[in-house]
Amino acid sequence: MTAKSNKDNIPFEKALEKLEKIVISMEDKQLSLDNMMNHFENGKKLSDYCSRKLTEFEKKIEILVKKTENGGEWKNFEDNKGADPFELE
């Protein structure tokens, strides 16, 4: 299993917690330059992951709200991955 797939399987809250710890550690200003760069790289990966997850959550909510507002049924988000939520009818 690759490192990327491992990170993609962690819960959003856990990723955010790890990111917060990295930020606190970096703000402490007692890291070597190498450690600072490692923290920055890991923080960037976690930040990108959290951003991706939030976008997925937002799309899912848009799909669910749109479907129920139009008298439709709840739609399975996984079936619509990559679809424009405003074009689903």
Protein backbone atom coordinates (compact mmCIF):
# COMPACT_ATOMS: atom_id res chain seq x y z
CA MET A 1 0.00 0.00 0.00
CA THR A 2 1.40 3.41 -0.91
CA ALA A 3 1.83 6.33 1.46
CA LYS A 4 -0.79 8.28 -0.47
CA SER A 5 -3.45 5.62 -0.07
CA ASN A 6 -2.69 5.39 3.67
CA LYS A 7 -3.27 9.13 4.06
CA ASP A 8 -6.47 8.95 2.01
CA ASN A 9 -7.90 6.45 4.49
CA ILE A 10 -7.51 8.51 7.65
CA PRO A 11 -10.56 10.33 9.01
CA PHE A 12 -10.77 14.06 8.34
CA GLU A 13 -10.64 14.89 12.05
CA LYS A 14 -7.45 12.85 12.54
CA ALA A 15 -5.77 14.58 9.58
CA LEU A 16 -6.77 17.98 10.95
CA GLU A 17 -5.43 17.04 14.39
CA LYS A 18 -2.09 16.00 12.86
CA LEU A 19 -1.96 19.23 10.89
CA GLU A 20 -2.59 21.28 14.04
CA LYS A 21 0.25 19.46 15.83
CA ILE A 22 2.60 20.21 12.93
CA VAL A 23 1.70 23.90 13.02
CA ILE A 24 2.26 24.09 16.78
CA SER A 25 5.60 22.32 16.42
CA MET A 26 6.68 24.70 13.65
CA GLU A 27 5.62 27.76 15.66
CA ASP A 28 7.84 26.60 18.52
CA LYS A 29 10.81 27.68 16.35
CA GLN A 30 13.15 25.11 17.84
CA LEU A 31 13.35 22.83 14.82
CA SER A 32 16.35 22.40 12.57
CA LEU A 33 15.92 23.52 8.98
CA ASP A 34 15.65 19.89 7.83
CA ASN A 35 12.95 19.14 10.40
CA MET A 36 11.15 22.35 9.49
CA MET A 37 11.09 21.30 5.82
CA ASN A 38 9.84 17.80 6.72
CA HIS A 39 7.09 19.34 8.83
CA PHE A 40 6.21 21.75 6.04
CA GLU A 41 5.99 18.95 3.45
CA ASN A 42 3.83 16.78 5.72
CA GLY A 43 1.67 19.76 6.63
CA LYS A 44 1.15 20.61 2.97
CA LYS A 45 0.05 17.03 2.22
CA LEU A 46 -2.36 17.06 5.15
CA SER A 47 -3.68 20.48 4.19
CA ASP A 48 -4.33 19.32 0.62
CA TYR A 49 -6.04 16.19 1.92
CA CYS A 50 -8.29 18.19 4.27
CA SER A 51 -9.16 20.60 1.48
CA ARG A 52 -10.06 17.71 -0.84
CA LYS A 53 -12.24 16.10 1.83
CA LEU A 54 -14.06 19.37 2.54
CA THR A 55 -14.76 19.79 -1.18
CA GLU A 56 -16.13 16.23 -1.31
CA PHE A 57 -18.35 16.91 1.72
CA GLU A 58 -19.60 20.14 0.17
CA LYS A 59 -20.50 18.40 -3.11
CA LYS A 60 -22.28 15.64 -1.23
CA ILE A 61 -24.34 18.16 0.73
CA GLU A 62 -25.22 20.07 -2.45
CA ILE A 63 -26.40 16.85 -4.11
CA LEU A 64 -28.45 15.78 -1.10
CA VAL A 65 -30.07 19.18 -0.63
CA LYS A 66 -30.84 19.61 -4.33
CA LYS A 67 -32.40 16.16 -4.60
CA THR A 68 -34.63 16.59 -1.54
CA GLU A 69 -35.64 20.15 -2.47
CA ASN A 70 -36.86 18.92 -5.87
CA GLY A 71 -38.96 16.20 -4.27
CA GLY A 72 -36.44 13.57 -5.21
CA GLU A 73 -34.85 10.91 -3.13
CA TRP A 74 -31.51 10.92 -1.36
CA LYS A 75 -28.84 10.17 -3.94
CA ASN A 76 -25.78 8.04 -3.19
CA PHE A 77 -22.80 10.40 -3.48
CA GLU A 78 -20.41 7.66 -4.55
CA ASP A 79 -22.47 7.13 -7.72
CA ASN A 80 -21.90 10.76 -8.72
CA LYS A 81 -18.17 11.22 -8.13
CA GLY A 82 -16.87 13.91 -10.43
CA ALA A 83 -20.33 14.91 -11.61
CA ASP A 84 -21.54 18.49 -11.50
CA PRO A 85 -24.14 18.49 -8.68
CA PHE A 86 -26.28 21.05 -10.53
CA GLU A 87 -26.62 18.81 -13.59
CA LEU A 88 -27.98 15.82 -11.67
CA GLU A 89 -31.69 15.41 -12.14
